[in-house]
Each structure stands twice: as C-alpha cells, then as structure tokens.
Amino acid sequence: MKIYFCYLNYFATGEGMTNAMAVAYAENEEDAKKAFILKHLCNVFINEKHTQNCVNYFSHGVVVYDINDETQHAKIKNIMKDFFTENNIEYMFHANKAGALIDFYYKSYANYS
C-alpha cells in the first residue's frame, strides 16, 4: 500500500468552483484516484450506476502524486501553497517521512450562480 496526494480543481458553469485535495492509500495511482473520488466527491450517491458515472466524470480531472517520490514534492507543494502555510505543508511531509499515518482532506467550493 502506498500513499498518494490527489487534487481536483473543477469549474462548471452554473455550478461553481471546487478545489479538493486529500491523501489516499492505494496500490497504484488509478486506485488512489478512485478512492479519492468515491470518498470525497461521489459519496452522496446511493445508486451504484450514479456513483460509477460520478467516478468516470471526475477521474479525468484528478491529478495524483506519489508522496514518497521526492521528485513529485515540488508539484504537491505548488498546489498546496495556495491554500496552506509552508509550516503546514512541511508538517505533512515530515509526518509521512516519519511513518505517521496521515489523514488529510480539504475542499473549498464557491457557488457562482
């Protein structure tokens, strides 16, 4: 099991703007993307067909980075710097490096309609 950072910036005319990010534990990037979407974006659907349609729809916009791959740290930090202080960001990387279990989720939504 690996730890991934997942991020979505989504803007839909008439619906608003969403920024969502979280860590996901999964075997690979595709499973991390699906776990992120199911847990944080499509968790209100009770019908399996609607849930799968939601996953298919959002999977095109979610970016996934392996937190343990130091070559991807700059990309993750670049996303997070618009929402969090440098200390908060470094704390997450430090906790991961120390082997701590990380549970991180953030979402902002603005309705422009």
PDB file of N, CA and C in Angstrom:
ATOM      1  N   MET A   1       0.845  -1.178   0.000  1.00  0.00           N
ATOM      2  CA  MET A   1       0.000   0.000   0.000  1.00  0.00           C
ATOM      3  C   MET A   1       0.891   1.241   0.000  1.00  0.00           C
ATOM      4  N   LYS A   2       0.552   2.183  -0.866  1.00  0.00           N
ATOM      5  CA  LYS A   2       1.295   3.433  -0.980  1.00  0.00           C
ATOM      6  C   LYS A   2       0.383   4.592  -0.604  1.00  0.00           C
ATOM      7  N   ILE A   3       1.003   5.746  -0.377  1.00  0.00           N
ATOM      8  CA  ILE A   3       0.231   6.949  -0.059  1.00  0.00           C
ATOM      9  C   ILE A   3       0.363   7.939  -1.213  1.00  0.00           C
ATOM     10  N   TYR A   4      -0.776   8.461  -1.627  1.00  0.00           N
ATOM     11  CA  TYR A   4      -0.834   9.375  -2.761  1.00  0.00           C
ATOM     12  C   TYR A   4      -1.516  10.677  -2.355  1.00  0.00           C
ATOM     13  N   PHE A   5      -1.119  11.752  -2.997  1.00  0.00           N
ATOM     14  CA  PHE A   5      -1.764  13.047  -2.868  1.00  0.00           C
ATOM     15  C   PHE A   5      -2.635  13.223  -4.104  1.00  0.00           C
ATOM     16  N   CYS A   6      -3.926  13.480  -3.901  1.00  0.00           N
ATOM     17  CA  CYS A   6      -4.864  13.648  -5.018  1.00  0.00           C
ATOM     18  C   CYS A   6      -5.427  15.065  -4.983  1.00  0.00           C
ATOM     19  N   TYR A   7      -5.590  15.653  -6.170  1.00  0.00           N
ATOM     20  CA  TYR A   7      -6.074  17.027  -6.258  1.00  0.00           C
ATOM     21  C   TYR A   7      -7.020  17.186  -7.442  1.00  0.00           C
ATOM     22  N   LEU A   8      -8.068  17.984  -7.209  1.00  0.00           N
ATOM     23  CA  LEU A   8      -9.019  18.303  -8.263  1.00  0.00           C
ATOM     24  C   LEU A   8      -9.356  19.777  -8.200  1.00  0.00           C
ATOM     25  N   ASN A   9      -9.234  20.458  -9.326  1.00  0.00           N
ATOM     26  CA  ASN A   9      -9.712  21.824  -9.497  1.00  0.00           C
ATOM     27  C   ASN A   9     -10.788  21.719 -10.563  1.00  0.00           C
ATOM     28  N   TYR A  10     -12.020  22.007 -10.181  1.00  0.00           N
ATOM     29  CA  TYR A  10     -13.153  21.788 -11.072  1.00  0.00           C
ATOM     30  C   TYR A  10     -14.022  23.037 -11.116  1.00  0.00           C
ATOM     31  N   PHE A  11     -14.296  23.498 -12.328  1.00  0.00           N
ATOM     32  CA  PHE A  11     -15.174  24.644 -12.523  1.00  0.00           C
ATOM     33  C   PHE A  11     -16.240  24.259 -13.530  1.00  0.00           C
ATOM     34  N   ALA A  12     -17.492  24.426 -13.132  1.00  0.00           N
ATOM     35  CA  ALA A  12     -18.599  24.139 -14.048  1.00  0.00           C
ATOM     36  C   ALA A  12     -19.495  25.361 -14.105  1.00  0.00           C
ATOM     37  N   THR A  13     -19.805  25.799 -15.299  1.00  0.00           N
ATOM     38  CA  THR A  13     -20.667  26.960 -15.485  1.00  0.00           C
ATOM     39  C   THR A  13     -22.007  26.701 -14.799  1.00  0.00           C
ATOM     40  N   GLY A  14     -22.392  27.619 -13.952  1.00  0.00           N
ATOM     41  CA  GLY A  14     -23.661  27.486 -13.259  1.00  0.00           C
ATOM     42  C   GLY A  14     -23.591  26.663 -11.986  1.00  0.00           C
ATOM     43  N   GLU A  15     -22.460  26.005 -11.741  1.00  0.00           N
ATOM     44  CA  GLU A  15     -22.330  25.177 -10.543  1.00  0.00           C
ATOM     45  C   GLU A  15     -21.332  25.760  -9.560  1.00  0.00           C
ATOM     46  N   GLY A  16     -20.303  26.391 -10.040  1.00  0.00           N
ATOM     47  CA  GLY A  16     -19.310  26.969  -9.156  1.00  0.00           C
ATOM     48  C   GLY A  16     -17.938  26.365  -9.357  1.00  0.00           C
ATOM     49  N   MET A  17     -17.066  26.665  -8.408  1.00  0.00           N
ATOM     50  CA  MET A  17     -15.664  26.219  -8.468  1.00  0.00           C
ATOM     51  C   MET A  17     -15.371  25.367  -7.247  1.00  0.00           C
ATOM     52  N   THR A  18     -14.722  24.229  -7.475  1.00  0.00           N
ATOM     53  CA  THR A  18     -14.340  23.326  -6.398  1.00  0.00           C
ATOM     54  C   THR A  18     -12.845  23.066  -6.463  1.00  0.00           C
ATOM     55  N   ASN A  19     -12.196  23.150  -5.313  1.00  0.00           N
ATOM     56  CA  ASN A  19     -10.826  22.689  -5.131  1.00  0.00           C
ATOM     57  C   ASN A  19     -10.895  21.636  -4.039  1.00  0.00           C
ATOM     58  N   ALA A  20     -10.418  20.446  -4.344  1.00  0.00           N
ATOM     59  CA  ALA A  20     -10.435  19.363  -3.354  1.00  0.00           C
ATOM     60  C   ALA A  20      -9.098  18.644  -3.415  1.00  0.00           C
ATOM     61  N   MET A  21      -8.591  18.290  -2.222  1.00  0.00           N
ATOM     62  CA  MET A  21      -7.345  17.536  -2.163  1.00  0.00           C
ATOM     63  C   MET A  21      -7.377  16.644  -0.939  1.00  0.00           C
ATOM     64  N   ALA A  22      -6.684  15.510  -1.051  1.00  0.00           N
ATOM     65  CA  ALA A  22      -6.642  14.550   0.045  1.00  0.00           C
ATOM     66  C   ALA A  22      -5.503  13.577  -0.189  1.00  0.00           C
ATOM     67  N   VAL A  23      -5.166  12.852   0.864  1.00  0.00           N
ATOM     68  CA  VAL A  23      -4.265  11.726   0.690  1.00  0.00           C
ATOM     69  C   VAL A  23      -5.118  10.476   0.575  1.00  0.00           C
ATOM     70  N   ALA A  24      -4.635   9.545  -0.201  1.00  0.00           N
ATOM     71  CA  ALA A  24      -5.338   8.275  -0.395  1.00  0.00           C
ATOM     72  C   ALA A  24      -4.316   7.147  -0.296  1.00  0.00           C
ATOM     73  N   TYR A  25      -4.722   6.092   0.337  1.00  0.00           N
ATOM     74  CA  TYR A  25      -3.888   4.896   0.442  1.00  0.00           C
ATOM     75  C   TYR A  25      -4.386   3.893  -0.580  1.00  0.00           C
ATOM     76  N   ALA A  26      -3.486   3.443  -1.454  1.00  0.00           N
ATOM     77  CA  ALA A  26      -3.890   2.530  -2.522  1.00  0.00           C
ATOM     78  C   ALA A  26      -2.664   1.793  -3.063  1.00  0.00           C
ATOM     79  N   GLU A  27      -2.919   0.816  -3.895  1.00  0.00           N
ATOM     80  CA  GLU A  27      -1.854   0.032  -4.515  1.00  0.00           C
ATOM     81  C   GLU A  27      -1.213   0.767  -5.688  1.00  0.00           C
ATOM     82  N   ASN A  28      -1.996   1.620  -6.363  1.00  0.00           N
ATOM     83  CA  ASN A  28      -1.480   2.323  -7.530  1.00  0.00           C
ATOM     84  C   ASN A  28      -2.244   3.637  -7.715  1.00  0.00           C
ATOM     85  N   GLU A  29      -1.811   4.432  -8.682  1.00  0.00           N
ATOM     86  CA  GLU A  29      -2.399   5.754  -8.903  1.00  0.00           C
ATOM     87  C   GLU A  29      -3.872   5.690  -9.284  1.00  0.00           C
ATOM     88  N   GLU A  30      -4.245   4.737 -10.121  1.00  0.00           N
ATOM     89  CA  GLU A  30      -5.650   4.631 -10.538  1.00  0.00           C
ATOM     90  C   GLU A  30      -6.556   4.287  -9.359  1.00  0.00           C
ATOM     91  N   ASP A  31      -6.091   3.386  -8.493  1.00  0.00           N
ATOM     92  CA  ASP A  31      -6.878   3.041  -7.312  1.00  0.00           C
ATOM     93  C   ASP A  31      -6.948   4.218  -6.337  1.00  0.00           C
ATOM     94  N   ALA A  32      -5.881   4.998  -6.242  1.00  0.00           N
ATOM     95  CA  ALA A  32      -5.877   6.187  -5.381  1.00  0.00           C
ATOM     96  C   ALA A  32      -6.886   7.212  -5.899  1.00  0.00           C
ATOM     97  N   LYS A  33      -6.886   7.413  -7.196  1.00  0.00           N
ATOM     98  CA  LYS A  33      -7.827   8.352  -7.815  1.00  0.00           C
ATOM     99  C   LYS A  33      -9.262   7.929  -7.526  1.00  0.00           C
ATOM    100  N   LYS A  34      -9.540   6.654  -7.699  1.00  0.00           N
ATOM    101  CA  LYS A  34     -10.894   6.144  -7.471  1.00  0.00           C
ATOM    102  C   LYS A  34     -11.278   6.272  -5.994  1.00  0.00           C
ATOM    103  N   ALA A  35     -10.362   5.937  -5.093  1.00  0.00           N
ATOM    104  CA  ALA A  35     -10.647   6.044  -3.655  1.00  0.00           C
ATOM    105  C   ALA A  35     -10.943   7.490  -3.266  1.00  0.00           C
ATOM    106  N   PHE A  36     -10.153   8.426  -3.786  1.00  0.00           N
ATOM    107  CA  PHE A  36     -10.350   9.854  -3.523  1.00  0.00           C
ATOM    108  C   PHE A  36     -11.727  10.302  -4.008  1.00  0.00           C
ATOM    109  N   ILE A  37     -12.063   9.949  -5.209  1.00  0.00           N
ATOM    110  CA  ILE A  37     -13.343  10.356  -5.785  1.00  0.00           C
ATOM    111  C   ILE A  37     -14.508   9.749  -5.012  1.00  0.00           C
ATOM    112  N   LEU A  38     -14.426   8.460  -4.720  1.00  0.00           N
ATOM    113  CA  LEU A  38     -15.515   7.803  -4.003  1.00  0.00           C
ATOM    114  C   LEU A  38     -15.714   8.364  -2.601  1.00  0.00           C
ATOM    115  N   LYS A  39     -14.631   8.619  -1.909  1.00  0.00           N
ATOM    116  CA  LYS A  39     -14.730   9.079  -0.520  1.00  0.00           C
ATOM    117  C   LYS A  39     -15.107  10.554  -0.406  1.00  0.00           C
ATOM    118  N   HIS A  40     -14.600  11.384  -1.309  1.00  0.00           N
ATOM    119  CA  HIS A  40     -14.740  12.828  -1.118  1.00  0.00           C
ATOM    120  C   HIS A  40     -15.604  13.550  -2.137  1.00  0.00           C
ATOM    121  N   LEU A  41     -15.880  12.951  -3.275  1.00  0.00           N
ATOM    122  CA  LEU A  41     -16.646  13.660  -4.303  1.00  0.00           C
ATOM    123  C   LEU A  41     -17.971  12.986  -4.645  1.00  0.00           C
ATOM    124  N   CYS A  42     -18.001  11.678  -4.611  1.00  0.00           N
ATOM    125  CA  CYS A  42     -19.195  10.936  -5.045  1.00  0.00           C
ATOM    126  C   CYS A  42     -19.799  10.129  -3.905  1.00  0.00           C
ATOM    127  N   ASN A  43     -19.649  10.603  -2.698  1.00  0.00           N
ATOM    128  CA  ASN A  43     -20.096   9.848  -1.544  1.00  0.00           C
ATOM    129  C   ASN A  43     -21.566  10.071  -1.194  1.00  0.00           C
ATOM    130  N   VAL A  44     -22.274  10.835  -1.971  1.00  0.00           N
ATOM    131  CA  VAL A  44     -23.677  11.109  -1.678  1.00  0.00           C
ATOM    132  C   VAL A  44     -24.637  10.250  -2.503  1.00  0.00           C
ATOM    133  N   PHE A  45     -24.129   9.528  -3.467  1.00  0.00           N
ATOM    134  CA  PHE A  45     -24.990   8.713  -4.316  1.00  0.00           C
ATOM    135  C   PHE A  45     -25.254   7.356  -3.676  1.00  0.00           C
ATOM    136  N   ILE A  46     -26.507   6.927  -3.712  1.00  0.00           N
ATOM    137  CA  ILE A  46     -26.832   5.615  -3.156  1.00  0.00           C
ATOM    138  C   ILE A  46     -27.004   4.571  -4.251  1.00  0.00           C
ATOM    139  N   ASN A  47     -27.090   5.024  -5.467  1.00  0.00           N
ATOM    140  CA  ASN A  47     -27.258   4.135  -6.615  1.00  0.00           C
ATOM    141  C   ASN A  47     -25.887   3.856  -7.225  1.00  0.00           C
ATOM    142  N   GLU A  48     -25.557   2.597  -7.425  1.00  0.00           N
ATOM    143  CA  GLU A  48     -24.240   2.212  -7.948  1.00  0.00           C
ATOM    144  C   GLU A  48     -23.977   2.795  -9.340  1.00  0.00           C
ATOM    145  N   LYS A  49     -24.994   2.868 -10.169  1.00  0.00           N
ATOM    146  CA  LYS A  49     -24.818   3.424 -11.519  1.00  0.00           C
ATOM    147  C   LYS A  49     -24.453   4.909 -11.446  1.00  0.00           C
ATOM    148  N   HIS A  50     -25.151   5.664 -10.601  1.00  0.00           N
ATOM    149  CA  HIS A  50     -24.843   7.089 -10.461  1.00  0.00           C
ATOM    150  C   HIS A  50     -23.449   7.293  -9.874  1.00  0.00           C
ATOM    151  N   THR A  51     -23.089   6.454  -8.916  1.00  0.00           N
ATOM    152  CA  THR A  51     -21.759   6.543  -8.314  1.00  0.00           C
ATOM    153  C   THR A  51     -20.692   6.291  -9.372  1.00  0.00           C
ATOM    154  N   GLN A  52     -20.858   5.258 -10.186  1.00  0.00           N
ATOM    155  CA  GLN A  52     -19.867   4.950 -11.217  1.00  0.00           C
ATOM    156  C   GLN A  52     -19.788   6.054 -12.255  1.00  0.00           C
ATOM    157  N   ASN A  53     -20.922   6.635 -12.622  1.00  0.00           N
ATOM    158  CA  ASN A  53     -20.913   7.767 -13.558  1.00  0.00           C
ATOM    159  C   ASN A  53     -20.154   8.953 -12.963  1.00  0.00           C
ATOM    160  N   CYS A  54     -20.323   9.185 -11.685  1.00  0.00           N
ATOM    161  CA  CYS A  54     -19.608  10.267 -10.995  1.00  0.00           C
ATOM    162  C   CYS A  54     -18.102  10.006 -11.013  1.00  0.00           C
ATOM    163  N   VAL A  55     -17.704   8.787 -10.712  1.00  0.00           N
ATOM    164  CA  VAL A  55     -16.285   8.422 -10.735  1.00  0.00           C
ATOM    165  C   VAL A  55     -15.714   8.612 -12.140  1.00  0.00           C
ATOM    166  N   ASN A  56     -16.423   8.144 -13.142  1.00  0.00           N
ATOM    167  CA  ASN A  56     -15.956   8.293 -14.526  1.00  0.00           C
ATOM    168  C   ASN A  56     -15.819   9.768 -14.908  1.00  0.00           C
ATOM    169  N   TYR A  57     -16.776  10.583 -14.480  1.00  0.00           N
ATOM    170  CA  TYR A  57     -16.775  12.003 -14.818  1.00  0.00           C
ATOM    171  C   TYR A  57     -15.582  12.729 -14.197  1.00  0.00           C
ATOM    172  N   PHE A  58     -15.363  12.555 -12.893  1.00  0.00           N
ATOM    173  CA  PHE A  58     -14.312  13.296 -12.208  1.00  0.00           C
ATOM    174  C   PHE A  58     -12.915  12.715 -12.415  1.00  0.00           C
ATOM    175  N   SER A  59     -12.819  11.464 -12.821  1.00  0.00           N
ATOM    176  CA  SER A  59     -11.491  10.849 -12.958  1.00  0.00           C
ATOM    177  C   SER A  59     -10.627  11.548 -13.992  1.00  0.00           C
ATOM    178  N   HIS A  60     -11.234  12.257 -14.919  1.00  0.00           N
ATOM    179  CA  HIS A  60     -10.460  12.967 -15.946  1.00  0.00           C
ATOM    180  C   HIS A  60      -9.737  14.185 -15.384  1.00  0.00           C
ATOM    181  N   GLY A  61     -10.232  14.739 -14.275  1.00  0.00           N
ATOM    182  CA  GLY A  61      -9.648  15.963 -13.749  1.00  0.00           C
ATOM    183  C   GLY A  61      -8.756  15.791 -12.533  1.00  0.00           C
ATOM    184  N   VAL A  62      -8.771  14.619 -11.918  1.00  0.00           N
ATOM    185  CA  VAL A  62      -7.988  14.394 -10.704  1.00  0.00           C
ATOM    186  C   VAL A  62      -6.540  14.101 -11.078  1.00  0.00           C
ATOM    187  N   VAL A  63      -5.615  14.818 -10.428  1.00  0.00           N
ATOM    188  CA  VAL A  63      -4.191  14.525 -10.585  1.00  0.00           C
ATOM    189  C   VAL A  63      -3.716  13.808  -9.327  1.00  0.00           C
ATOM    190  N   VAL A  64      -2.810  12.864  -9.519  1.00  0.00           N
ATOM    191  CA  VAL A  64      -2.343  12.020  -8.423  1.00  0.00           C
ATOM    192  C   VAL A  64      -0.821  12.043  -8.393  1.00  0.00           C
ATOM    193  N   TYR A  65      -0.275  12.236  -7.184  1.00  0.00           N
ATOM    194  CA  TYR A  65       1.174  12.233  -6.993  1.00  0.00           C
ATOM    195  C   TYR A  65       1.537  11.274  -5.865  1.00  0.00           C
ATOM    196  N   ASP A  66       2.614  10.541  -6.052  1.00  0.00           N
ATOM    197  CA  ASP A  66       3.136   9.640  -5.032  1.00  0.00           C
ATOM    198  C   ASP A  66       3.903  10.478  -4.010  1.00  0.00           C
ATOM    199  N   ILE A  67       3.419  10.531  -2.774  1.00  0.00           N
ATOM    200  CA  ILE A  67       4.050  11.373  -1.752  1.00  0.00           C
ATOM    201  C   ILE A  67       5.474  10.906  -1.435  1.00  0.00           C
ATOM    202  N   ASN A  68       5.741   9.635  -1.595  1.00  0.00           N
ATOM    203  CA  ASN A  68       7.075   9.124  -1.279  1.00  0.00           C
ATOM    204  C   ASN A  68       8.090   9.340  -2.400  1.00  0.00           C
ATOM    205  N   ASP A  69       7.640   9.826  -3.533  1.00  0.00           N
ATOM    206  CA  ASP A  69       8.532  10.124  -4.654  1.00  0.00           C
ATOM    207  C   ASP A  69       8.963  11.589  -4.525  1.00  0.00           C
ATOM    208  N   GLU A  70      10.195  11.798  -4.066  1.00  0.00           N
ATOM    209  CA  GLU A  70      10.670  13.164  -3.807  1.00  0.00           C
ATOM    210  C   GLU A  70      10.679  14.042  -5.053  1.00  0.00           C
ATOM    211  N   THR A  71      10.716  13.448  -6.240  1.00  0.00           N
ATOM    212  CA  THR A  71      10.683  14.249  -7.465  1.00  0.00           C
ATOM    213  C   THR A  71       9.313  14.880  -7.673  1.00  0.00           C
ATOM    214  N   GLN A  72       8.291  14.415  -6.944  1.00  0.00           N
ATOM    215  CA  GLN A  72       6.940  14.965  -7.078  1.00  0.00           C
ATOM    216  C   GLN A  72       6.585  15.952  -5.963  1.00  0.00           C
ATOM    217  N   HIS A  73       7.484  16.118  -4.997  1.00  0.00           N
ATOM    218  CA  HIS A  73       7.207  17.017  -3.873  1.00  0.00           C
ATOM    219  C   HIS A  73       6.975  18.452  -4.320  1.00  0.00           C
ATOM    220  N   ALA A  74       7.737  18.943  -5.262  1.00  0.00           N
ATOM    221  CA  ALA A  74       7.586  20.333  -5.712  1.00  0.00           C
ATOM    222  C   ALA A  74       6.199  20.555  -6.316  1.00  0.00           C
ATOM    223  N   LYS A  75       5.688  19.582  -7.056  1.00  0.00           N
ATOM    224  CA  LYS A  75       4.352  19.707  -7.652  1.00  0.00           C
ATOM    225  C   LYS A  75       3.274  19.747  -6.577  1.00  0.00           C
ATOM    226  N   ILE A  76       3.407  18.880  -5.567  1.00  0.00           N
ATOM    227  CA  ILE A  76       2.438  18.851  -4.479  1.00  0.00           C
ATOM    228  C   ILE A  76       2.482  20.169  -3.708  1.00  0.00           C
ATOM    229  N   LYS A  77       3.684  20.613  -3.370  1.00  0.00           N
ATOM    230  CA  LYS A  77       3.834  21.859  -2.616  1.00  0.00           C
ATOM    231  C   LYS A  77       3.305  23.052  -3.409  1.00  0.00           C
ATOM    232  N   ASN A  78       3.482  23.049  -4.705  1.00  0.00           N
ATOM    233  CA  ASN A  78       2.994  24.137  -5.555  1.00  0.00           C
ATOM    234  C   ASN A  78       1.472  24.235  -5.493  1.00  0.00           C
ATOM    235  N   ILE A  79       0.800  23.112  -5.439  1.00  0.00           N
ATOM    236  CA  ILE A  79      -0.662  23.107  -5.308  1.00  0.00           C
ATOM    237  C   ILE A  79      -1.059  23.600  -3.921  1.00  0.00           C
ATOM    238  N   MET A  80      -0.431  23.047  -2.903  1.00  0.00           N
ATOM    239  CA  MET A  80      -0.826  23.323  -1.526  1.00  0.00           C
ATOM    240  C   MET A  80      -0.530  24.748  -1.075  1.00  0.00           C
ATOM    241  N   LYS A  81       0.484  25.388  -1.674  1.00  0.00           N
ATOM    242  CA  LYS A  81       0.882  26.729  -1.216  1.00  0.00           C
ATOM    243  C   LYS A  81      -0.214  27.768  -1.403  1.00  0.00           C
ATOM    244  N   ASP A  82      -1.155  27.512  -2.281  1.00  0.00           N
ATOM    245  CA  ASP A  82      -2.262  28.447  -2.484  1.00  0.00           C
ATOM    246  C   ASP A  82      -3.324  28.341  -1.379  1.00  0.00           C
ATOM    247  N   PHE A  83      -3.224  27.309  -0.543  1.00  0.00           N
ATOM    248  CA  PHE A  83      -4.248  27.067   0.467  1.00  0.00           C
ATOM    249  C   PHE A  83      -3.721  26.998   1.901  1.00  0.00           C
ATOM    250  N   PHE A  84      -2.421  26.682   2.068  1.00  0.00           N
ATOM    251  CA  PHE A  84      -1.876  26.426   3.395  1.00  0.00           C
ATOM    252  C   PHE A  84      -0.540  27.134   3.588  1.00  0.00           C
ATOM    253  N   THR A  85      -0.162  27.296   4.851  1.00  0.00           N
ATOM    254  CA  THR A  85       1.138  27.887   5.155  1.00  0.00           C
ATOM    255  C   THR A  85       2.242  26.870   4.874  1.00  0.00           C
ATOM    256  N   GLU A  86       3.447  27.370   4.718  1.00  0.00           N
ATOM    257  CA  GLU A  86       4.592  26.497   4.477  1.00  0.00           C
ATOM    258  C   GLU A  86       4.788  25.513   5.632  1.00  0.00           C
ATOM    259  N   ASN A  87       4.551  25.964   6.864  1.00  0.00           N
ATOM    260  CA  ASN A  87       4.691  25.078   8.022  1.00  0.00           C
ATOM    261  C   ASN A  87       3.720  23.904   7.958  1.00  0.00           C
ATOM    262  N   ASN A  88       2.489  24.160   7.573  1.00  0.00           N
ATOM    263  CA  ASN A  88       1.510  23.077   7.450  1.00  0.00           C
ATOM    264  C   ASN A  88       1.919  22.071   6.387  1.00  0.00           C
ATOM    265  N   ILE A  89       2.402  22.574   5.290  1.00  0.00           N
ATOM    266  CA  ILE A  89       2.819  21.696   4.190  1.00  0.00           C
ATOM    267  C   ILE A  89       4.012  20.848   4.616  1.00  0.00           C
ATOM    268  N   GLU A  90       5.002  21.479   5.210  1.00  0.00           N
ATOM    269  CA  GLU A  90       6.194  20.731   5.637  1.00  0.00           C
ATOM    270  C   GLU A  90       5.858  19.704   6.715  1.00  0.00           C
ATOM    271  N   TYR A  91       4.903  20.037   7.576  1.00  0.00           N
ATOM    272  CA  TYR A  91       4.490  19.108   8.618  1.00  0.00           C
ATOM    273  C   TYR A  91       3.955  17.808   8.009  1.00  0.00           C
ATOM    274  N   MET A  92       3.165  17.926   6.934  1.00  0.00           N
ATOM    275  CA  MET A  92       2.627  16.732   6.290  1.00  0.00           C
ATOM    276  C   MET A  92       3.752  15.866   5.729  1.00  0.00           C
ATOM    277  N   PHE A  93       4.725  16.489   5.085  1.00  0.00           N
ATOM    278  CA  PHE A  93       5.843  15.718   4.535  1.00  0.00           C
ATOM    279  C   PHE A  93       6.699  15.102   5.647  1.00  0.00           C
ATOM    280  N   HIS A  94       6.886  15.858   6.727  1.00  0.00           N
ATOM    281  CA  HIS A  94       7.659  15.338   7.852  1.00  0.00           C
ATOM    282  C   HIS A  94       6.938  14.141   8.487  1.00  0.00           C
ATOM    283  N   ALA A  95       5.645  14.253   8.691  1.00  0.00           N
ATOM    284  CA  ALA A  95       4.871  13.153   9.272  1.00  0.00           C
ATOM    285  C   ALA A  95       4.946  11.915   8.390  1.00  0.00           C
ATOM    286  N   ASN A  96       4.855  12.107   7.093  1.00  0.00           N
ATOM    287  CA  ASN A  96       4.939  10.973   6.172  1.00  0.00           C
ATOM    288  C   ASN A  96       6.313  10.311   6.250  1.00  0.00           C
ATOM    289  N   LYS A  97       7.350  11.128   6.258  1.00  0.00           N
ATOM    290  CA  LYS A  97       8.715  10.605   6.311  1.00  0.00           C
ATOM    291  C   LYS A  97       8.956   9.828   7.615  1.00  0.00           C
ATOM    292  N   ALA A  98       8.315  10.253   8.698  1.00  0.00           N
ATOM    293  CA  ALA A  98       8.456   9.588   9.995  1.00  0.00           C
ATOM    294  C   ALA A  98       7.595   8.326  10.086  1.00  0.00           C
ATOM    295  N   GLY A  99       6.804   8.058   9.062  1.00  0.00           N
ATOM    296  CA  GLY A  99       5.967   6.863   9.049  1.00  0.00           C
ATOM    297  C   GLY A  99       4.632   7.030   9.744  1.00  0.00           C
ATOM    298  N   ALA A 100       4.248   8.268  10.026  1.00  0.00           N
ATOM    299  CA  ALA A 100       2.962   8.524  10.683  1.00  0.00           C
ATOM    300  C   ALA A 100       1.812   8.283   9.710  1.00  0.00           C
ATOM    301  N   LEU A 101       0.716   7.827  10.247  1.00  0.00           N
ATOM    302  CA  LEU A 101      -0.490   7.658   9.450  1.00  0.00           C
ATOM    303  C   LEU A 101      -1.079   9.037   9.197  1.00  0.00           C
ATOM    304  N   ILE A 102      -1.279   9.378   7.958  1.00  0.00           N
ATOM    305  CA  ILE A 102      -1.770  10.708   7.594  1.00  0.00           C
ATOM    306  C   ILE A 102      -3.213  10.604   7.121  1.00  0.00           C
ATOM    307  N   ASP A 103      -4.048  11.476   7.651  1.00  0.00           N
ATOM    308  CA  ASP A 103      -5.409  11.619   7.162  1.00  0.00           C
ATOM    309  C   ASP A 103      -5.579  13.092   6.844  1.00  0.00           C
ATOM    310  N   PHE A 104      -5.638  13.415   5.586  1.00  0.00           N
ATOM    311  CA  PHE A 104      -5.714  14.799   5.154  1.00  0.00           C
ATOM    312  C   PHE A 104      -6.785  14.938   4.095  1.00  0.00           C
ATOM    313  N   TYR A 105      -7.672  15.917   4.271  1.00  0.00           N
ATOM    314  CA  TYR A 105      -8.689  16.221   3.274  1.00  0.00           C
ATOM    315  C   TYR A 105      -9.032  17.701   3.380  1.00  0.00           C
ATOM    316  N   TYR A 106      -9.127  18.357   2.233  1.00  0.00           N
ATOM    317  CA  TYR A 106      -9.506  19.763   2.179  1.00  0.00           C
ATOM    318  C   TYR A 106     -10.373  19.974   0.943  1.00  0.00           C
ATOM    319  N   LYS A 107     -11.422  20.757   1.112  1.00  0.00           N
ATOM    320  CA  LYS A 107     -12.278  21.082  -0.022  1.00  0.00           C
ATOM    321  C   LYS A 107     -12.814  22.495   0.151  1.00  0.00           C
ATOM    322  N   SER A 108     -12.771  23.265  -0.918  1.00  0.00           N
ATOM    323  CA  SER A 108     -13.420  24.567  -0.926  1.00  0.00           C
ATOM    324  C   SER A 108     -14.351  24.604  -2.128  1.00  0.00           C
ATOM    325  N   TYR A 109     -15.464  25.254  -1.947  1.00  0.00           N
ATOM    326  CA  TYR A 109     -16.458  25.330  -3.011  1.00  0.00           C
ATOM    327  C   TYR A 109     -17.064  26.731  -3.001  1.00  0.00           C
ATOM    328  N   ALA A 110     -17.123  27.333  -4.145  1.00  0.00           N
ATOM    329  CA  ALA A 110     -17.767  28.636  -4.292  1.00  0.00           C
ATOM    330  C   ALA A 110     -18.835  28.521  -5.373  1.00  0.00           C
ATOM    331  N   ASN A 111     -20.036  28.906  -5.048  1.00  0.00           N
ATOM    332  CA  ASN A 111     -21.147  28.841  -5.985  1.00  0.00           C
ATOM    333  C   ASN A 111     -21.287  30.205  -6.658  1.00  0.00           C
ATOM    334  N   TYR A 112     -21.122  30.233  -7.959  1.00  0.00           N
ATOM    335  CA  TYR A 112     -21.176  31.486  -8.719  1.00  0.00           C
ATOM    336  C   TYR A 112     -22.529  31.748  -9.382  1.00  0.00           C
ATOM    337  N   SER A 113     -23.483  30.873  -9.145  1.00  0.00           N
ATOM    338  CA  SER A 113     -24.779  31.077  -9.813  1.00  0.00           C
ATOM    339  C   SER A 113     -25.693  31.992  -9.041  1.00  0.00           C
TER     340      SER A 113
END
